[in-house]
Amino acid sequence: MSDDSRPSPSGARTAAVIPAAGRGVRLGPGAPKALRALNGTPMLIHAVRAMAASRAVSLVVVVAPPDGAAEVKVLLDSHALPERTDFLVVPGGDSRQESVRLGLDALPPGIDIVLVHDAARPLVPVDTVDAVIEAVRDGAPAVVPALPLADTVKQVEPAGVPGEPEPVVATPERALLRAVQTPQGFDRETLVRAHETVTDNVTDDASMVEQLGLRVVVVPGHEEAFKVTRPLDLVLAEAVLARRRLNDGF
């Protein structure tokens, strides 16, 4: 179905870009992290469904490993996805930043708002996605969902040898800090300009917009939007899915 038949209430059309070209070495050897199974379904499919769950998202662009675009396309075709949303797979680059830029390059005209979402955050609730989109619609050039920190944070002087004790140099005020999640939302022109302007390799698209001197705002994140990075995270994600199945009755 064409996304033209489903404009958002504000008239702005939204696309989500999911960079999924990384290997995920901290989860150990095997398939790329985004293709690891979670409750029998690849994490990438969960992440795609999470973006498509928002009725405001008319297109999801998956940025695949450079040599794996065909495989990822077959993967998407083999799983049930919302018919009201269009899906596109493009090959990625050597870095996350390059992969996001390639995803941006693939967007058709008429897209006004862009979400950038980590494939390794498969369980973000739709309410969080919608809150990010709404904040961009309200005029913010860049929006990030984030949570207050539960732990005290120490700034240290890195040790020269891994595993050696590290001296503490400061204790930042925790109330002023946030743990940032995705999807991060952007005015399309702003994000394109950031990728054209910022040459440093960064892991956070919002920080690129910050380097342009533009305002970035935070909306409340969600505890289930955590990043699946280590084996223990997979256990937690399975538990979240089990609770959802119990609550939803399927």
Protein backbone atom coordinates (compact mmCIF):
# COMPACT_ATOMS: atom_id res chain seq x y z
CA MET A 1 0.00 0.00 0.00
CA SER A 2 1.32 3.44 -0.81
CA ASP A 3 2.10 5.62 2.18
CA ASP A 4 0.55 8.56 0.27
CA SER A 5 -2.85 7.28 1.37
CA ARG A 6 -1.98 7.73 5.02
CA PRO A 7 -0.74 11.26 5.70
CA SER A 8 -0.07 12.18 9.30
CA PRO A 9 -2.55 14.48 11.03
CA SER A 10 -0.13 17.41 10.84
CA GLY A 11 0.58 16.84 7.14
CA ALA A 12 4.19 15.93 7.91
CA ARG A 13 5.28 12.49 6.70
CA THR A 14 7.63 10.41 8.82
CA ALA A 15 10.20 7.77 7.90
CA ALA A 16 12.37 5.64 10.18
CA VAL A 17 15.96 4.71 9.35
CA ILE A 18 17.34 1.63 11.12
CA PRO A 19 21.11 1.17 10.75
CA ALA A 20 21.68 -2.58 11.07
CA ALA A 21 25.08 -3.09 9.48
CA GLY A 22 27.10 -3.75 12.66
CA ARG A 23 28.49 -7.08 13.81
CA GLY A 24 27.68 -6.80 17.52
CA VAL A 25 30.93 -8.29 18.81
CA ARG A 26 29.94 -7.95 22.48
CA LEU A 27 27.27 -10.60 21.98
CA GLY A 28 29.97 -13.01 20.87
CA PRO A 29 30.62 -14.79 17.57
CA GLY A 30 27.89 -15.69 15.13
CA ALA A 31 25.29 -13.73 13.22
CA PRO A 32 25.29 -9.91 13.24
CA LYS A 33 23.63 -8.58 16.37
CA ALA A 34 20.55 -7.31 14.53
CA LEU A 35 19.89 -10.82 13.18
CA ARG A 36 20.14 -12.58 16.55
CA ALA A 37 16.89 -14.32 17.48
CA LEU A 38 14.71 -12.92 20.23
CA ASN A 39 11.79 -15.20 21.08
CA GLY A 40 12.48 -16.96 17.78
CA THR A 41 12.36 -13.78 15.69
CA PRO A 42 15.41 -11.69 14.67
CA MET A 43 15.87 -8.53 16.74
CA LEU A 44 15.79 -6.52 13.53
CA ILE A 45 12.24 -7.64 12.81
CA HIS A 46 11.17 -6.63 16.31
CA ALA A 47 12.77 -3.20 15.77
CA VAL A 48 11.11 -2.76 12.36
CA ARG A 49 7.73 -3.69 13.84
CA ALA A 50 8.30 -1.23 16.69
CA MET A 51 8.75 1.63 14.22
CA ALA A 52 5.87 0.52 12.00
CA ALA A 53 3.61 0.30 15.05
CA SER A 54 3.35 4.09 14.94
CA ARG A 55 0.62 5.11 12.54
CA ALA A 56 2.67 8.22 11.78
CA VAL A 57 5.52 6.17 10.26
CA SER A 58 4.84 5.60 6.56
CA LEU A 59 8.27 4.20 5.57
CA VAL A 60 10.96 2.13 7.31
CA VAL A 61 14.42 2.04 5.72
CA VAL A 62 16.67 -0.77 6.93
CA VAL A 63 20.37 -0.19 6.30
CA ALA A 64 21.86 -3.66 5.94
CA PRO A 65 25.45 -4.93 6.04
CA PRO A 66 27.18 -3.93 2.77
CA ASP A 67 27.16 -7.52 1.52
CA GLY A 68 23.90 -8.55 3.16
CA ALA A 69 21.17 -6.37 1.68
CA ALA A 70 19.62 -9.24 -0.28
CA GLU A 71 19.58 -11.44 2.83
CA VAL A 72 17.90 -8.73 4.90
CA LYS A 73 15.33 -8.11 2.15
CA VAL A 74 14.43 -11.82 2.18
CA LEU A 75 14.23 -11.66 5.98
CA LEU A 76 11.73 -8.77 5.90
CA ASP A 77 9.69 -10.46 3.18
CA SER A 78 9.45 -13.65 5.24
CA HIS A 79 7.93 -11.99 8.31
CA ALA A 80 4.52 -10.42 8.80
CA LEU A 81 4.82 -6.63 8.74
CA PRO A 82 2.09 -3.96 8.75
CA GLU A 83 0.67 -3.53 5.26
CA ARG A 84 0.06 0.17 5.82
CA THR A 85 3.83 0.79 6.03
CA ASP A 86 6.35 0.70 3.18
CA PHE A 87 9.75 -0.97 3.68
CA LEU A 88 13.07 -0.48 1.93
CA VAL A 89 16.46 -2.18 2.35
CA VAL A 90 19.70 -0.46 1.30
CA PRO A 91 23.34 -1.51 1.79
CA GLY A 92 25.20 0.30 4.55
CA GLY A 93 28.73 1.59 5.04
CA ASP A 94 31.74 0.95 7.25
CA SER A 95 30.48 3.09 10.15
CA ARG A 96 27.13 3.77 11.76
CA GLN A 97 27.33 7.39 10.66
CA GLU A 98 27.89 6.41 7.04
CA SER A 99 25.06 3.88 7.20
CA VAL A 100 22.62 6.50 8.50
CA ARG A 101 23.66 8.85 5.71
CA LEU A 102 23.04 6.14 3.13
CA GLY A 103 19.62 5.58 4.66
CA LEU A 104 18.89 9.30 4.42
CA ASP A 105 19.97 9.30 0.78
CA ALA A 106 17.38 6.62 0.06
CA LEU A 107 14.42 8.61 1.40
CA PRO A 108 11.91 9.75 -1.22
CA PRO A 109 10.70 13.35 -1.53
CA GLY A 110 7.91 14.37 0.80
CA ILE A 111 9.38 12.94 4.00
CA ASP A 112 9.59 15.74 6.57
CA ILE A 113 10.46 13.92 9.79
CA VAL A 114 13.14 11.24 10.15
CA LEU A 115 13.55 8.82 13.02
CA VAL A 116 16.89 7.07 13.52
CA HIS A 117 16.51 3.90 15.56
CA ASP A 118 18.98 1.30 16.84
CA ALA A 119 18.19 -2.20 15.61
CA ALA A 120 19.49 -3.36 19.00
CA ARG A 121 16.57 -1.61 20.76
CA PRO A 122 13.85 -4.03 19.63
CA LEU A 123 11.27 -3.39 22.36
CA VAL A 124 10.71 0.37 22.36
CA PRO A 125 6.99 1.02 22.99
CA VAL A 126 4.94 2.84 20.37
CA ASP A 127 4.06 5.60 22.85
CA THR A 128 7.74 6.56 22.99
CA VAL A 129 7.98 6.60 19.20
CA ASP A 130 4.90 8.81 18.96
CA ALA A 131 6.19 11.19 21.66
CA VAL A 132 9.40 11.77 19.68
CA ILE A 133 7.48 12.44 16.46
CA GLU A 134 5.10 14.82 18.20
CA ALA A 135 7.97 16.87 19.64
CA VAL A 136 9.49 17.28 16.16
CA ARG A 137 6.07 18.28 14.81
CA ASP A 138 5.91 20.90 17.55
CA GLY A 139 9.06 22.53 16.19
CA ALA A 140 12.09 20.90 17.77
CA PRO A 141 14.80 20.23 15.15
CA ALA A 142 16.08 17.22 17.13
CA VAL A 143 14.47 15.08 19.83
CA VAL A 144 15.87 12.25 21.94
CA PRO A 145 14.05 9.96 24.37
CA ALA A 146 15.99 9.57 27.59
CA LEU A 147 15.78 8.31 31.16
CA PRO A 148 17.15 9.71 34.43
CA LEU A 149 20.18 7.83 35.72
CA ALA A 150 19.63 5.32 38.51
CA ASP A 151 23.33 5.09 39.40
CA THR A 152 25.78 7.67 40.62
CA VAL A 153 28.23 8.51 37.82
CA LYS A 154 31.97 9.06 38.21
CA GLN A 155 34.24 10.79 35.73
CA VAL A 156 37.61 9.05 35.73
CA GLU A 157 41.03 9.41 34.24
CA PRO A 158 41.39 6.33 32.02
CA ALA A 159 44.09 3.91 33.08
CA GLY A 160 46.96 3.29 30.71
CA VAL A 161 46.59 -0.47 31.19
CA PRO A 162 43.18 -2.17 30.91
CA GLY A 163 41.98 -3.47 34.27
CA GLU A 164 44.14 -1.10 36.32
CA PRO A 165 42.43 1.12 38.94
CA GLU A 166 41.30 4.48 37.52
CA PRO A 167 41.41 7.69 39.58
CA VAL A 168 38.13 9.59 39.96
CA VAL A 169 38.33 13.21 38.85
CA ALA A 170 34.70 14.32 39.31
CA THR A 171 31.20 13.25 40.31
CA PRO A 172 28.72 14.89 37.92
CA GLU A 173 25.36 15.93 39.35
CA ARG A 174 23.12 13.00 38.47
CA ALA A 175 19.95 15.10 38.29
CA LEU A 176 21.38 16.94 35.27
CA LEU A 177 22.24 13.75 33.34
CA ARG A 178 20.11 11.50 31.15
CA ALA A 179 20.68 8.11 29.52
CA VAL A 180 19.76 8.57 25.87
CA GLN A 181 17.76 6.04 23.86
CA THR A 182 16.29 5.80 20.36
CA PRO A 183 14.42 6.48 18.16
CA GLN A 184 15.88 9.95 17.87
CA GLY A 185 13.72 12.24 15.77
CA PHE A 186 14.73 15.05 13.42
CA ASP A 187 13.51 17.58 11.00
CA ARG A 188 14.75 15.99 7.77
CA GLU A 189 16.60 19.03 6.44
CA THR A 190 18.37 19.48 9.78
CA LEU A 191 19.62 15.89 9.91
CA VAL A 192 20.75 15.97 6.27
CA ARG A 193 22.69 19.18 6.95
CA ALA A 194 24.27 17.63 10.04
CA HIS A 195 25.50 14.65 8.03
CA GLU A 196 26.86 16.96 5.35
CA THR A 197 28.64 19.17 7.89
CA VAL A 198 29.92 16.99 10.75
CA THR A 199 32.86 14.84 9.66
CA ASP A 200 33.82 13.35 13.03
CA ASN A 201 32.61 9.77 13.44
CA VAL A 202 29.94 9.88 16.16
CA THR A 203 27.57 7.26 17.57
CA ASP A 204 24.71 9.65 18.31
CA ASP A 205 22.93 11.60 15.57
CA ALA A 206 21.64 14.19 18.02
CA SER A 207 25.20 15.17 18.91
CA MET A 208 25.75 16.00 15.24
CA VAL A 209 22.85 18.45 15.40
CA GLU A 210 24.32 19.88 18.62
CA GLN A 211 27.52 20.61 16.70
CA LEU A 212 25.46 22.75 14.31
CA GLY A 213 24.49 24.88 17.31
CA LEU A 214 20.83 23.86 17.12
CA ARG A 215 18.51 22.95 19.97
CA VAL A 216 18.11 19.32 20.96
CA VAL A 217 15.32 18.44 23.40
CA VAL A 218 14.64 15.38 25.54
CA VAL A 219 11.33 13.57 25.97
CA PRO A 220 10.71 10.77 28.46
CA GLY A 221 12.15 7.45 27.38
CA HIS A 222 11.03 4.01 28.51
CA GLU A 223 12.74 1.27 30.50
CA GLU A 224 11.85 -1.30 27.81
CA ALA A 225 13.74 0.66 25.15
CA PHE A 226 17.06 -0.68 26.48
CA LYS A 227 19.84 -1.68 24.12
CA VAL A 228 20.53 -5.39 23.69
CA THR A 229 24.31 -5.49 23.78
CA ARG A 230 25.38 -8.31 26.08
CA PRO A 231 24.07 -11.85 26.62
CA LEU A 232 22.29 -10.81 29.83
CA ASP A 233 20.32 -8.22 27.83
CA LEU A 234 18.91 -11.05 25.71
CA VAL A 235 17.62 -12.71 28.87
CA LEU A 236 15.95 -9.48 29.96
CA ALA A 237 14.44 -8.93 26.52
CA GLU A 238 12.98 -12.44 26.51
CA ALA A 239 11.43 -11.73 29.91
CA VAL A 240 9.86 -8.50 28.63
CA LEU A 241 8.38 -10.34 25.64
CA ALA A 242 7.04 -13.09 27.90
CA ARG A 243 5.32 -10.48 30.08
CA ARG A 244 3.85 -8.79 27.01
CA ARG A 245 2.48 -12.09 25.73
CA LEU A 246 0.89 -12.72 29.13
CA ASN A 247 -0.63 -9.23 29.30
CA ASP A 248 -1.82 -9.23 25.70
CA GLY A 249 -3.25 -12.72 25.88
CA PHE A 250 -1.29 -14.31 23.04
